[in-house]
C-alpha atoms as a PDB file:
ATOM      1  CA  UNK A   1      22.999  -4.298  24.067  1.00  0.00           C
ATOM      2  CA  UNK A   2      20.277  -5.919  26.091  1.00  0.00           C
ATOM      3  CA  UNK A   3      17.706  -8.053  24.210  1.00  0.00           C
ATOM      4  CA  UNK A   4      14.780  -6.035  25.616  1.00  0.00           C
ATOM      5  CA  UNK A   5      16.356  -2.802  24.324  1.00  0.00           C
ATOM      6  CA  UNK A   6      16.836  -4.338  20.855  1.00  0.00           C
ATOM      7  CA  UNK A   7      13.169  -5.404  20.797  1.00  0.00           C
ATOM      8  CA  UNK A   8      12.114  -1.916  21.886  1.00  0.00           C
ATOM      9  CA  UNK A   9      14.180  -0.273  19.144  1.00  0.00           C
ATOM     10  CA  UNK A  10      12.828  -2.672  16.523  1.00  0.00           C
ATOM     11  CA  UNK A  11       9.247  -2.118  17.708  1.00  0.00           C
ATOM     12  CA  UNK A  12       9.684   1.656  17.764  1.00  0.00           C
ATOM     13  CA  UNK A  13      11.297   1.593  14.342  1.00  0.00           C
ATOM     14  CA  UNK A  14       8.553  -0.628  12.913  1.00  0.00           C
ATOM     15  CA  UNK A  15       5.872   1.691  14.199  1.00  0.00           C
ATOM     16  CA  UNK A  16       7.625   4.739  12.749  1.00  0.00           C
ATOM     17  CA  UNK A  17       8.251   3.086   9.396  1.00  0.00           C
ATOM     18  CA  UNK A  18       5.059   1.116   8.844  1.00  0.00           C
ATOM     19  CA  UNK A  19       2.465   3.457  10.318  1.00  0.00           C
ATOM     20  CA  UNK A  20       3.167   7.116   9.926  1.00  0.00           C
ATOM     21  CA  UNK A  21       0.312   8.365  12.080  1.00  0.00           C
ATOM     22  CA  UNK A  22      -0.735  11.250   9.878  1.00  0.00           C
ATOM     23  CA  UNK A  23      -0.739   9.080   6.742  1.00  0.00           C
ATOM     24  CA  UNK A  24      -2.707   6.379   8.549  1.00  0.00           C
ATOM     25  CA  UNK A  25      -5.313   8.897   9.672  1.00  0.00           C
ATOM     26  CA  UNK A  26      -5.642  10.255   6.133  1.00  0.00           C
ATOM     27  CA  UNK A  27      -6.054   6.713   4.845  1.00  0.00           C
ATOM     28  CA  UNK A  28      -8.503   5.788   7.598  1.00  0.00           C
ATOM     29  CA  UNK A  29     -10.617   8.924   7.253  1.00  0.00           C
ATOM     30  CA  UNK A  30     -10.664   9.380   3.480  1.00  0.00           C
ATOM     31  CA  UNK A  31     -10.081   5.997   1.864  1.00  0.00           C
ATOM     32  CA  UNK A  32     -13.561   4.592   2.635  1.00  0.00           C
ATOM     33  CA  UNK A  33     -15.338   7.544   1.035  1.00  0.00           C
ATOM     34  CA  UNK A  34     -12.982   7.548  -1.943  1.00  0.00           C
ATOM     35  CA  UNK A  35     -13.472   3.811  -2.529  1.00  0.00           C
ATOM     36  CA  UNK A  36     -17.265   4.123  -2.402  1.00  0.00           C
ATOM     37  CA  UNK A  37     -17.239   7.123  -4.742  1.00  0.00           C
ATOM     38  CA  UNK A  38     -14.952   5.456  -7.283  1.00  0.00           C
ATOM     39  CA  UNK A  39     -16.920   2.210  -7.120  1.00  0.00           C
ATOM     40  CA  UNK A  40     -20.160   4.032  -7.894  1.00  0.00           C
ATOM     41  CA  UNK A  41     -18.556   6.195 -10.623  1.00  0.00           C
ATOM     42  CA  UNK A  42     -17.296   3.071 -12.385  1.00  0.00           C
ATOM     43  CA  UNK A  43     -20.730   1.416 -12.166  1.00  0.00           C
ATOM     44  CA  UNK A  44     -19.909  -1.318  -9.673  1.00  0.00           C
ATOM     45  CA  UNK A  45     -22.118  -2.543  -6.875  1.00  0.00           C
ATOM     46  CA  UNK A  46     -20.365  -3.782  -3.748  1.00  0.00           C
ATOM     47  CA  UNK A  47     -21.152  -7.321  -4.880  1.00  0.00           C
ATOM     48  CA  UNK A  48     -19.853  -6.887  -8.437  1.00  0.00           C
ATOM     49  CA  UNK A  49     -16.639  -5.220  -7.257  1.00  0.00           C
ATOM     50  CA  UNK A  50     -16.132  -7.970  -4.692  1.00  0.00           C
ATOM     51  CA  UNK A  51     -16.525 -10.610  -7.403  1.00  0.00           C
ATOM     52  CA  UNK A  52     -14.120  -8.726  -9.669  1.00  0.00           C
ATOM     53  CA  UNK A  53     -11.322  -8.676  -7.083  1.00  0.00           C
ATOM     54  CA  UNK A  54     -12.187 -12.032  -5.465  1.00  0.00           C
ATOM     55  CA  UNK A  55     -13.198 -10.884  -1.977  1.00  0.00           C
ATOM     56  CA  UNK A  56     -16.548 -11.023  -0.213  1.00  0.00           C
ATOM     57  CA  UNK A  57     -19.219  -8.351  -0.507  1.00  0.00           C
ATOM     58  CA  UNK A  58     -19.015  -7.885   3.267  1.00  0.00           C
ATOM     59  CA  UNK A  59     -15.297  -7.116   2.955  1.00  0.00           C
ATOM     60  CA  UNK A  60     -16.010  -4.302   0.463  1.00  0.00           C
ATOM     61  CA  UNK A  61     -18.660  -3.042   2.905  1.00  0.00           C
ATOM     62  CA  UNK A  62     -16.068  -3.033   5.734  1.00  0.00           C
ATOM     63  CA  UNK A  63     -13.557  -1.135   3.562  1.00  0.00           C
ATOM     64  CA  UNK A  64     -16.177   1.477   2.693  1.00  0.00           C
ATOM     65  CA  UNK A  65     -17.337   1.797   6.285  1.00  0.00           C
ATOM     66  CA  UNK A  66     -13.743   2.206   7.502  1.00  0.00           C
ATOM     67  CA  UNK A  67     -13.872  -0.869   9.718  1.00  0.00           C
ATOM     68  CA  UNK A  68     -11.130  -2.658   7.791  1.00  0.00           C
ATOM     69  CA  UNK A  69      -8.087  -1.671   5.759  1.00  0.00           C
ATOM     70  CA  UNK A  70      -7.205  -3.589   2.584  1.00  0.00           C
ATOM     71  CA  UNK A  71      -3.861  -5.281   2.097  1.00  0.00           C
ATOM     72  CA  UNK A  72      -1.495  -3.971  -0.547  1.00  0.00           C
ATOM     73  CA  UNK A  73      -2.540  -6.796  -2.879  1.00  0.00           C
ATOM     74  CA  UNK A  74      -6.194  -5.855  -2.476  1.00  0.00           C
ATOM     75  CA  UNK A  75      -5.401  -2.168  -3.055  1.00  0.00           C
ATOM     76  CA  UNK A  76      -3.675  -3.169  -6.270  1.00  0.00           C
ATOM     77  CA  UNK A  77      -6.662  -5.293  -7.353  1.00  0.00           C
ATOM     78  CA  UNK A  78      -9.081  -2.485  -6.476  1.00  0.00           C
ATOM     79  CA  UNK A  79      -7.031   0.037  -8.450  1.00  0.00           C
ATOM     80  CA  UNK A  80      -6.962  -2.209 -11.513  1.00  0.00           C
ATOM     81  CA  UNK A  81     -10.703  -2.905 -11.312  1.00  0.00           C
ATOM     82  CA  UNK A  82     -11.530   0.780 -10.797  1.00  0.00           C
ATOM     83  CA  UNK A  83      -9.041   1.851 -13.500  1.00  0.00           C
ATOM     84  CA  UNK A  84      -7.158   4.280 -11.250  1.00  0.00           C
ATOM     85  CA  UNK A  85      -3.667   4.237  -9.833  1.00  0.00           C
ATOM     86  CA  UNK A  86      -3.186   2.756  -6.389  1.00  0.00           C
ATOM     87  CA  UNK A  87      -1.830   6.171  -5.476  1.00  0.00           C
ATOM     88  CA  UNK A  88      -5.073   7.864  -6.461  1.00  0.00           C
ATOM     89  CA  UNK A  89      -7.144   5.224  -4.718  1.00  0.00           C
ATOM     90  CA  UNK A  90      -5.262   5.502  -1.428  1.00  0.00           C
ATOM     91  CA  UNK A  91      -4.274   9.171  -1.326  1.00  0.00           C
ATOM     92  CA  UNK A  92      -6.650  10.868  -3.763  1.00  0.00           C
ATOM     93  CA  UNK A  93      -5.602  13.897  -5.781  1.00  0.00           C
ATOM     94  CA  UNK A  94      -3.078  14.868  -3.118  1.00  0.00           C
ATOM     95  CA  UNK A  95      -1.329  11.551  -3.606  1.00  0.00           C
ATOM     96  CA  UNK A  96       2.369  11.048  -3.570  1.00  0.00           C
ATOM     97  CA  UNK A  97       4.067  11.535  -6.890  1.00  0.00           C
ATOM     98  CA  UNK A  98       6.923   9.391  -8.094  1.00  0.00           C
ATOM     99  CA  UNK A  99       9.873  11.224  -9.542  1.00  0.00           C
ATOM    100  CA  UNK A 100       9.495  11.272 -13.320  1.00  0.00           C
ATOM    101  CA  UNK A 101      12.446   8.945 -13.962  1.00  0.00           C
ATOM    102  CA  UNK A 102      11.081   6.302 -11.554  1.00  0.00           C
ATOM    103  CA  UNK A 103       7.636   6.644 -13.097  1.00  0.00           C
ATOM    104  CA  UNK A 104       9.066   5.823 -16.536  1.00  0.00           C
ATOM    105  CA  UNK A 105      11.070   2.923 -15.127  1.00  0.00           C
ATOM    106  CA  UNK A 106       8.006   1.427 -13.469  1.00  0.00           C
ATOM    107  CA  UNK A 107       6.041   1.831 -16.693  1.00  0.00           C
ATOM    108  CA  UNK A 108       8.748  -0.147 -18.474  1.00  0.00           C
ATOM    109  CA  UNK A 109       8.663  -2.825 -15.779  1.00  0.00           C
ATOM    110  CA  UNK A 110       4.866  -3.090 -16.088  1.00  0.00           C
ATOM    111  CA  UNK A 111       5.332  -4.226 -19.702  1.00  0.00           C
ATOM    112  CA  UNK A 112       7.708  -7.043 -18.740  1.00  0.00           C
ATOM    113  CA  UNK A 113       6.766 -10.653 -18.125  1.00  0.00           C
ATOM    114  CA  UNK A 114       5.314 -11.558 -14.730  1.00  0.00           C
ATOM    115  CA  UNK A 115       8.480 -13.513 -13.962  1.00  0.00           C
ATOM    116  CA  UNK A 116      10.683 -10.497 -14.688  1.00  0.00           C
ATOM    117  CA  UNK A 117       8.361  -8.284 -12.628  1.00  0.00           C
ATOM    118  CA  UNK A 118       8.650 -10.679  -9.672  1.00  0.00           C
ATOM    119  CA  UNK A 119      12.452 -10.629 -10.015  1.00  0.00           C
ATOM    120  CA  UNK A 120      12.534  -6.825  -9.988  1.00  0.00           C
ATOM    121  CA  UNK A 121      10.079  -6.749  -7.072  1.00  0.00           C
ATOM    122  CA  UNK A 122      12.368  -9.093  -5.128  1.00  0.00           C
ATOM    123  CA  UNK A 123      15.374  -6.876  -5.863  1.00  0.00           C
ATOM    124  CA  UNK A 124      13.511  -3.785  -4.664  1.00  0.00           C
ATOM    125  CA  UNK A 125      12.298  -5.571  -1.531  1.00  0.00           C
ATOM    126  CA  UNK A 126      15.865  -6.687  -0.836  1.00  0.00           C
ATOM    127  CA  UNK A 127      17.133  -3.123  -1.105  1.00  0.00           C
ATOM    128  CA  UNK A 128      14.350  -1.866   1.181  1.00  0.00           C
ATOM    129  CA  UNK A 129      15.222  -4.526   3.769  1.00  0.00           C
ATOM    130  CA  UNK A 130      18.885  -3.516   3.512  1.00  0.00           C
ATOM    131  CA  UNK A 131      17.933   0.151   4.038  1.00  0.00           C
ATOM    132  CA  UNK A 132      15.639  -0.642   6.987  1.00  0.00           C
ATOM    133  CA  UNK A 133      18.301  -2.828   8.587  1.00  0.00           C
ATOM    134  CA  UNK A 134      20.853  -0.031   8.380  1.00  0.00           C
ATOM    135  CA  UNK A 135      18.384   2.329  10.067  1.00  0.00           C
ATOM    136  CA  UNK A 136      17.661  -0.178  12.838  1.00  0.00           C
ATOM    137  CA  UNK A 137      21.339  -0.864  13.412  1.00  0.00           C
ATOM    138  CA  UNK A 138      21.932   2.884  13.550  1.00  0.00           C
ATOM    139  CA  UNK A 139      19.202   3.224  16.200  1.00  0.00           C
ATOM    140  CA  UNK A 140      20.672   0.354  18.226  1.00  0.00           C
ATOM    141  CA  UNK A 141      24.153   1.910  18.240  1.00  0.00           C
ATOM    142  CA  UNK A 142      22.834   5.181  19.648  1.00  0.00           C
END
């Protein structure tokens, strides 16, 4: 297969996998309002929330205005500070639900040492990469 075709398949795959357009639009249109509402409900100012999660006040402002999207690490920090799940923070009440057995497994993992959590995270990331690679290879063969 030609190198340009492989790049095209990888780029197309990445776009499909990383940014599902409808999910991105939901995040872009509703996340800012949800973040501002939760921040106010929990009694934070933009400055105090920024200090809590170690970002600048202007970054919180950009998240709430919809001009910037937080990284996964920042979403996690925001969720902890606001005492909500990352799922609720990102998707609201219509958020994705984990199957019950996975939910219990992740609860168990959350009680483990940070080192064990990092090991499990690495294993999961490895499996996701394996899965993505199989999908890409399948697209290339077509």
